[in-house]
């Protein structure tokens, strides 16, 4: 079985590389520029005051080859135990965990992405059954409006964004699944139609308010769908970029909304990741955002007990640093890897008293498996 899984992983890498290298003309869609190869940013000219050398360094870093020695025996063991724990808490209907977030499409999607980051796809691989069941659960929550929500929950656009990302990754690996395509297209249309006049998104699928934390979830979902060949309106992405720029403070961090407010590392990570997934690479805002993250992100082993939105922040921070590449990634990765391993419990879980252990474990596993590069969304 292990040999079969390794062959599957090689196949997935080839699929992901093909997706990443496809041009807009080749797949007949428009909107977000491709990630791989020479960057084709929405905006190629940084503001006049931009530190040109730093901007150039970020652009070059995004094209760097993967660094060596990213894995350790401790990492391999930690991921293995985490995946087994996640498997043990999947419910019969494909959802994960118990309590308030027990039947949540967003958490089911994140858990499935954690298995897919190990090289599994629906019905294929060691955890293929778990991915298949999670897919069934997410699709069961697909509504005629396009909203993905298994039941009435607070702030459904968070779950919708994560679930749409999951469908985009699944469809990108198997474009023959009409169920997934139908749900994905409707989910993308709902995202486009619920963007507010500033260019962002908020808790509910209505175009009234916006915040940075919900906006990144939608932009990342749009990116995944775009990579899979689904049409994404260019004006939707351009408006999202304008909104995120509006939320950046002078210190390089990002505030929660466009209204005046302080910076914080989780939303700074979300802001930088939004620009990257929108196809922007040569940008002073990215440089300042990365520098803010380096100054402000938590270090040590305090964990979620003393850091608000701990796993959410690390989830987007590691993506921002990975996409920046170069020394950003080289210096960031060992610290976050070792920190997450150090706070894993004996059962293989990560704990979050607010959103639950299924959420925390899925987020931690996605972060720790970033160097595997099996998910198309994480292909440079």
Protein backbone atom coordinates (compact mmCIF):
# COMPACT_ATOMS: atom_id res chain seq x y z
CA UNK A 1 0.00 0.00 0.00
CA UNK A 2 2.84 2.41 0.81
CA UNK A 3 4.36 1.77 -2.62
CA UNK A 4 0.97 2.51 -4.21
CA UNK A 5 0.73 5.73 -2.28
CA UNK A 6 4.21 6.82 -3.34
CA UNK A 7 3.28 6.21 -6.99
CA UNK A 8 0.13 8.25 -6.46
CA UNK A 9 2.16 11.07 -4.96
CA UNK A 10 4.46 11.14 -7.98
CA UNK A 11 1.38 11.27 -10.22
CA UNK A 12 -0.10 14.14 -8.22
CA UNK A 13 3.13 16.12 -8.51
CA UNK A 14 2.97 15.72 -12.29
CA UNK A 15 -0.67 16.83 -12.36
CA UNK A 16 0.08 19.83 -10.17
CA UNK A 17 3.05 20.81 -12.31
CA UNK A 18 0.90 20.60 -15.43
CA UNK A 19 -1.75 22.82 -13.86
CA UNK A 20 0.80 25.32 -12.69
CA UNK A 21 2.44 25.61 -16.08
CA UNK A 22 -0.77 25.91 -18.10
CA UNK A 23 -1.26 29.31 -19.65
CA UNK A 24 -4.57 31.22 -19.65
CA UNK A 25 -4.77 30.77 -23.40
CA UNK A 26 -4.24 27.03 -23.13
CA UNK A 27 -7.19 26.46 -20.81
CA UNK A 28 -9.45 29.17 -22.16
CA UNK A 29 -10.13 31.13 -19.01
CA UNK A 30 -9.35 34.59 -17.74
CA UNK A 31 -8.82 36.34 -14.43
CA UNK A 32 -5.97 35.41 -12.12
CA UNK A 33 -2.47 35.06 -13.61
CA UNK A 34 -0.65 31.76 -13.17
CA UNK A 35 1.58 31.13 -10.14
CA UNK A 36 4.31 29.07 -11.72
CA UNK A 37 7.03 30.32 -14.01
CA UNK A 38 7.92 34.00 -14.40
CA UNK A 39 5.35 36.00 -12.41
CA UNK A 40 2.66 37.77 -14.38
CA UNK A 41 1.38 40.19 -11.74
CA UNK A 42 -1.79 42.21 -11.95
CA UNK A 43 0.37 45.23 -11.12
CA UNK A 44 4.00 45.04 -12.19
CA UNK A 45 5.15 48.45 -11.08
CA UNK A 46 5.72 49.09 -7.39
CA UNK A 47 4.90 52.53 -5.98
CA UNK A 48 7.66 55.12 -6.53
CA UNK A 49 8.73 54.98 -2.89
CA UNK A 50 9.18 51.20 -2.97
CA UNK A 51 12.62 49.86 -1.99
CA UNK A 52 13.46 48.41 -5.38
CA UNK A 53 16.12 46.00 -4.19
CA UNK A 54 13.75 44.46 -1.64
CA UNK A 55 10.95 44.15 -4.17
CA UNK A 56 13.30 42.44 -6.60
CA UNK A 57 14.42 40.05 -3.87
CA UNK A 58 10.84 38.92 -3.24
CA UNK A 59 10.21 38.40 -6.94
CA UNK A 60 13.37 36.33 -7.31
CA UNK A 61 12.61 34.37 -4.14
CA UNK A 62 9.21 33.26 -5.47
CA UNK A 63 11.01 31.40 -8.27
CA UNK A 64 13.61 29.69 -6.10
CA UNK A 65 13.86 25.92 -6.06
CA UNK A 66 12.76 24.20 -2.81
CA UNK A 67 15.29 24.43 -0.02
CA UNK A 68 17.06 21.27 1.13
CA UNK A 69 16.69 19.62 4.54
CA UNK A 70 13.11 20.77 5.06
CA UNK A 71 12.09 17.51 6.69
CA UNK A 72 13.21 15.80 9.88
CA UNK A 73 12.39 12.41 11.48
CA UNK A 74 10.42 14.32 14.11
CA UNK A 75 8.34 15.97 11.38
CA UNK A 76 7.59 12.65 9.68
CA UNK A 77 6.47 11.12 12.98
CA UNK A 78 4.40 14.15 13.94
CA UNK A 79 2.52 14.20 10.63
CA UNK A 80 1.90 10.46 10.74
CA UNK A 81 0.40 10.66 14.22
CA UNK A 82 -1.63 13.72 13.30
CA UNK A 83 -3.16 12.08 10.23
CA UNK A 84 -4.10 9.01 12.25
CA UNK A 85 -5.73 11.19 14.89
CA UNK A 86 -7.67 13.09 12.24
CA UNK A 87 -8.85 9.80 10.75
CA UNK A 88 -10.05 8.64 14.18
CA UNK A 89 -12.36 11.64 14.67
CA UNK A 90 -14.12 11.55 11.31
CA UNK A 91 -17.85 10.99 11.66
CA UNK A 92 -19.89 8.58 9.58
CA UNK A 93 -21.31 11.39 7.46
CA UNK A 94 -17.78 12.54 6.52
CA UNK A 95 -17.60 15.50 8.92
CA UNK A 96 -15.04 15.77 11.68
CA UNK A 97 -15.13 16.22 15.46
CA UNK A 98 -17.95 17.02 17.84
CA UNK A 99 -19.67 19.96 19.41
CA UNK A 100 -20.31 23.38 17.92
CA UNK A 101 -18.15 22.79 14.85
CA UNK A 102 -18.84 19.08 14.46
CA UNK A 103 -20.82 19.41 11.20
CA UNK A 104 -18.97 22.25 9.54
CA UNK A 105 -18.12 22.13 5.83
CA UNK A 106 -15.10 24.38 6.33
CA UNK A 107 -13.51 22.12 8.93
CA UNK A 108 -14.33 19.01 6.89
CA UNK A 109 -12.67 20.68 3.90
CA UNK A 110 -9.56 21.60 5.87
CA UNK A 111 -9.27 18.06 7.23
CA UNK A 112 -9.60 16.65 3.72
CA UNK A 113 -6.93 19.07 2.48
CA UNK A 114 -4.64 17.82 5.25
CA UNK A 115 -5.03 14.28 3.87
CA UNK A 116 -4.59 15.51 0.30
CA UNK A 117 -1.39 17.28 1.35
CA UNK A 118 -0.07 13.78 2.06
CA UNK A 119 -0.82 12.69 -1.51
CA UNK A 120 -4.31 11.23 -1.08
CA UNK A 121 -7.28 11.97 -3.33
CA UNK A 122 -10.92 10.86 -3.14
CA UNK A 123 -10.88 7.07 -3.09
CA UNK A 124 -7.14 6.81 -3.71
CA UNK A 125 -4.26 6.54 -1.27
CA UNK A 126 -3.94 5.47 2.34
CA UNK A 127 -6.49 8.09 3.40
CA UNK A 128 -8.45 8.12 0.16
CA UNK A 129 -11.56 6.85 1.92
CA UNK A 130 -11.45 9.75 4.39
CA UNK A 131 -11.13 12.28 1.56
CA UNK A 132 -14.01 10.62 -0.33
CA UNK A 133 -16.28 10.77 2.72
CA UNK A 134 -15.38 14.41 3.38
CA UNK A 135 -16.14 15.24 -0.25
CA UNK A 136 -19.54 13.63 0.07
CA UNK A 137 -20.25 15.66 3.19
CA UNK A 138 -19.24 18.94 1.55
CA UNK A 139 -21.30 18.21 -1.56
CA UNK A 140 -24.30 17.33 0.59
CA UNK A 141 -24.18 20.91 1.87
CA UNK A 142 -24.23 22.47 -1.60
CA UNK A 143 -27.30 24.67 -2.04
CA UNK A 144 -29.00 25.97 -5.17
CA UNK A 145 -27.65 29.43 -4.38
CA UNK A 146 -24.11 28.05 -4.48
CA UNK A 147 -23.49 28.40 -0.75
CA UNK A 148 -21.65 25.46 0.79
CA UNK A 149 -22.99 25.03 4.31
CA UNK A 150 -24.13 21.79 5.93
CA UNK A 151 -26.20 23.61 8.50
CA UNK A 152 -26.87 27.15 9.71
CA UNK A 153 -23.62 28.42 11.21
CA UNK A 154 -22.16 31.73 12.29
CA UNK A 155 -20.14 33.44 9.57
CA UNK A 156 -20.85 30.91 6.79
CA UNK A 157 -18.51 32.57 4.29
CA UNK A 158 -15.48 31.25 6.20
CA UNK A 159 -16.69 27.70 5.71
CA UNK A 160 -17.76 28.44 2.16
CA UNK A 161 -14.29 29.73 1.27
CA UNK A 162 -12.48 26.69 2.70
CA UNK A 163 -14.99 24.28 1.14
CA UNK A 164 -14.71 25.95 -2.27
CA UNK A 165 -10.92 25.74 -2.05
CA UNK A 166 -11.25 22.01 -1.34
CA UNK A 167 -13.55 21.50 -4.33
CA UNK A 168 -11.14 23.45 -6.52
CA UNK A 169 -8.24 21.21 -5.51
CA UNK A 170 -10.29 18.05 -6.05
CA UNK A 171 -11.54 19.23 -9.44
CA UNK A 172 -8.05 20.25 -10.48
CA UNK A 173 -6.96 16.65 -9.97
CA UNK A 174 -10.05 15.06 -11.56
CA UNK A 175 -11.89 17.29 -14.01
CA UNK A 176 -14.25 14.47 -15.02
CA UNK A 177 -16.30 14.69 -11.82
CA UNK A 178 -19.41 16.62 -12.90
CA UNK A 179 -20.76 16.77 -9.33
CA UNK A 180 -17.71 18.65 -8.17
CA UNK A 181 -17.66 20.96 -11.19
CA UNK A 182 -21.32 21.91 -10.77
CA UNK A 183 -20.95 22.70 -7.08
CA UNK A 184 -17.67 24.51 -7.68
CA UNK A 185 -19.02 26.76 -10.45
CA UNK A 186 -22.02 27.76 -8.35
CA UNK A 187 -19.79 28.36 -5.33
CA UNK A 188 -17.51 30.62 -7.37
CA UNK A 189 -20.47 32.55 -8.75
CA UNK A 190 -21.74 33.11 -5.22
CA UNK A 191 -18.33 34.48 -4.20
CA UNK A 192 -18.25 36.87 -7.15
CA UNK A 193 -21.82 38.03 -6.53
CA UNK A 194 -21.35 38.63 -2.80
CA UNK A 195 -18.27 40.87 -3.12
CA UNK A 196 -19.03 44.28 -1.65
CA UNK A 197 -18.39 47.66 -3.28
CA UNK A 198 -15.02 48.00 -1.54
CA UNK A 199 -13.89 44.71 -3.08
CA UNK A 200 -13.98 42.41 -0.07
CA UNK A 201 -16.19 39.87 1.65
CA UNK A 202 -17.74 39.52 5.10
CA UNK A 203 -19.39 36.80 7.19
CA UNK A 204 -22.54 36.38 5.10
CA UNK A 205 -23.03 35.94 1.34
CA UNK A 206 -24.34 39.46 0.83
CA UNK A 207 -22.40 42.43 -0.62
CA UNK A 208 -22.59 44.76 2.37
CA UNK A 209 -19.43 44.71 4.50
CA UNK A 210 -15.92 43.28 4.23
CA UNK A 211 -12.94 42.24 6.32
CA UNK A 212 -9.47 40.94 5.50
CA UNK A 213 -9.87 37.57 7.24
CA UNK A 214 -12.90 36.50 5.19
CA UNK A 215 -11.52 38.04 2.01
CA UNK A 216 -8.43 35.82 1.90
CA UNK A 217 -10.63 32.71 2.15
CA UNK A 218 -12.53 33.78 -0.96
CA UNK A 219 -9.47 34.86 -2.95
CA UNK A 220 -7.70 31.58 -2.26
CA UNK A 221 -10.81 29.67 -3.39
CA UNK A 222 -10.95 31.77 -6.56
CA UNK A 223 -7.30 31.02 -7.22
CA UNK A 224 -7.78 27.27 -6.84
CA UNK A 225 -10.78 27.30 -9.17
CA UNK A 226 -8.89 29.42 -11.68
CA UNK A 227 -5.98 26.98 -11.63
CA UNK A 228 -8.46 24.15 -12.29
CA UNK A 229 -9.84 25.88 -15.39
CA UNK A 230 -12.94 27.57 -13.96
CA UNK A 231 -13.58 31.09 -15.24
CA UNK A 232 -12.96 33.78 -12.63
CA UNK A 233 -13.84 37.40 -13.49
CA UNK A 234 -10.75 39.61 -13.63
CA UNK A 235 -12.70 42.53 -12.18
CA UNK A 236 -13.44 40.44 -9.06
CA UNK A 237 -9.72 39.96 -8.44
CA UNK A 238 -8.81 43.55 -9.24
CA UNK A 239 -11.40 44.79 -6.75
CA UNK A 240 -10.12 42.39 -4.07
CA UNK A 241 -6.60 43.72 -4.55
CA UNK A 242 -7.80 47.30 -4.17
CA UNK A 243 -9.60 46.39 -0.97
CA UNK A 244 -6.64 44.62 0.61
CA UNK A 245 -4.31 47.50 -0.25
CA UNK A 246 -6.79 49.82 1.45
CA UNK A 247 -6.43 47.79 4.66
CA UNK A 248 -2.63 47.95 4.94
CA UNK A 249 -1.19 50.20 7.66
CA UNK A 250 2.00 52.26 7.52
CA UNK A 251 3.79 49.66 9.68
CA UNK A 252 3.33 47.05 6.92
CA UNK A 253 0.68 45.10 8.81
CA UNK A 254 -3.01 44.92 7.94
CA UNK A 255 -6.03 46.04 9.90
CA UNK A 256 -9.21 44.01 10.12
CA UNK A 257 -11.35 46.30 7.96
CA UNK A 258 -10.87 49.42 5.85
CA UNK A 259 -11.78 51.55 8.86
CA UNK A 260 -8.84 52.79 10.97
CA UNK A 261 -7.44 50.07 13.19
CA UNK A 262 -4.31 48.36 14.46
CA UNK A 263 -2.25 45.70 12.71
CA UNK A 264 -2.01 42.09 13.88
CA UNK A 265 0.04 39.19 12.56
CA UNK A 266 -2.81 36.80 11.57
CA UNK A 267 -4.48 39.36 9.35
CA UNK A 268 -1.12 40.63 8.10
CA UNK A 269 -0.43 37.09 6.92
CA UNK A 270 -3.86 37.02 5.30
CA UNK A 271 -3.21 40.33 3.56
CA UNK A 272 0.13 39.26 2.09
CA UNK A 273 -1.28 35.89 1.01
CA UNK A 274 -4.18 37.63 -0.70
CA UNK A 275 -1.81 39.68 -2.84
CA UNK A 276 0.19 36.59 -3.78
CA UNK A 277 -2.89 34.56 -4.70
CA UNK A 278 -4.20 37.49 -6.73
CA UNK A 279 -1.08 37.14 -8.89
CA UNK A 280 0.92 40.05 -7.50
CA UNK A 281 4.63 39.44 -6.79
CA UNK A 282 6.54 42.69 -7.47
CA UNK A 283 5.05 44.89 -4.82
CA UNK A 284 6.14 47.14 -1.97
CA UNK A 285 3.06 46.13 0.01
CA UNK A 286 4.23 42.51 0.02
CA UNK A 287 7.73 43.45 1.16
CA UNK A 288 6.41 45.58 4.01
CA UNK A 289 3.92 42.90 4.95
CA UNK A 290 6.58 40.19 5.10
CA UNK A 291 8.80 42.41 7.22
CA UNK A 292 5.90 43.06 9.59
CA UNK A 293 5.34 39.31 9.92
CA UNK A 294 8.98 38.73 10.74
CA UNK A 295 8.79 41.35 13.49
CA UNK A 296 5.42 40.48 14.99
CA UNK A 297 4.61 36.78 14.61
CA UNK A 298 4.85 34.74 17.83
CA UNK A 299 7.94 32.68 18.52
CA UNK A 300 8.61 29.98 21.06
CA UNK A 301 6.12 27.35 22.20
CA UNK A 302 3.32 29.39 23.79
CA UNK A 303 0.80 27.98 21.35
CA UNK A 304 -2.86 28.93 20.94
CA UNK A 305 -3.41 29.39 24.67
CA UNK A 306 -1.81 32.83 24.63
CA UNK A 307 -2.14 33.78 20.94
CA UNK A 308 -5.47 34.71 19.37
CA UNK A 309 -6.14 33.03 16.01
CA UNK A 310 -2.93 31.05 16.40
CA UNK A 311 -3.53 28.33 13.79
CA UNK A 312 -5.22 30.68 11.34
CA UNK A 313 -2.21 32.99 11.55
CA UNK A 314 0.32 30.22 11.01
CA UNK A 315 -1.71 28.76 8.14
CA UNK A 316 -1.49 31.97 6.12
CA UNK A 317 1.97 33.00 7.36
CA UNK A 318 3.59 29.81 6.14
CA UNK A 319 1.92 30.26 2.75
CA UNK A 320 3.11 33.85 2.49
CA UNK A 321 6.68 32.88 3.36
CA UNK A 322 6.63 29.86 1.07
CA UNK A 323 5.43 31.93 -1.88
CA UNK A 324 8.00 34.63 -1.09
CA UNK A 325 10.69 31.93 -1.09
CA UNK A 326 14.40 32.60 -0.65
CA UNK A 327 15.56 33.65 2.81
CA UNK A 328 12.00 34.40 3.91
CA UNK A 329 11.11 30.74 3.62
CA UNK A 330 14.49 29.43 4.71
CA UNK A 331 14.42 31.31 8.02
CA UNK A 332 10.67 30.93 8.70
CA UNK A 333 10.11 27.24 8.03
CA UNK A 334 12.32 25.59 10.69
CA UNK A 335 10.85 27.78 13.42
CA UNK A 336 7.21 27.11 12.67
CA UNK A 337 7.88 23.42 12.02
CA UNK A 338 9.59 22.88 15.36
CA UNK A 339 7.08 25.01 17.26
CA UNK A 340 4.07 23.08 15.97
CA UNK A 341 5.71 19.74 16.64
CA UNK A 342 6.44 20.81 20.21
CA UNK A 343 2.78 21.54 21.05
CA UNK A 344 1.25 18.38 19.55
CA UNK A 345 -0.28 16.19 22.27
CA UNK A 346 0.31 12.49 22.94
CA UNK A 347 -2.78 11.47 20.94
CA UNK A 348 -1.44 13.23 17.85
CA UNK A 349 -3.80 16.21 18.08
CA UNK A 350 -3.40 19.95 18.26
CA UNK A 351 -5.74 21.81 20.58
CA UNK A 352 -7.86 24.89 20.04
CA UNK A 353 -10.50 25.58 22.68
CA UNK A 354 -12.43 27.96 20.45
CA UNK A 355 -12.72 26.19 17.10
CA UNK A 356 -11.97 22.64 18.24
CA UNK A 357 -9.28 20.01 17.84
CA UNK A 358 -10.35 18.92 14.34
CA UNK A 359 -9.78 22.46 13.08
CA UNK A 360 -6.47 22.89 14.91
CA UNK A 361 -5.14 19.51 13.82
CA UNK A 362 -6.11 20.04 10.18
CA UNK A 363 -4.51 23.49 10.10
CA UNK A 364 -1.30 22.26 11.75
CA UNK A 365 -1.03 19.33 9.34
CA UNK A 366 -1.49 21.54 6.29
CA UNK A 367 1.28 23.81 7.57
CA UNK A 368 3.64 20.94 8.38
CA UNK A 369 3.14 19.29 4.98
CA UNK A 370 3.81 22.43 2.96
CA UNK A 371 7.22 21.09 1.76
CA UNK A 372 5.51 18.06 0.18
CA UNK A 373 3.97 20.38 -2.45
CA UNK A 374 1.28 17.90 -3.53
CA UNK A 375 -1.64 20.35 -3.54
CA UNK A 376 -1.84 22.37 -6.79
CA UNK A 377 -2.62 25.57 -4.84
CA UNK A 378 0.82 25.38 -3.23
CA UNK A 379 2.72 24.99 -6.49
CA UNK A 380 4.93 28.02 -7.14
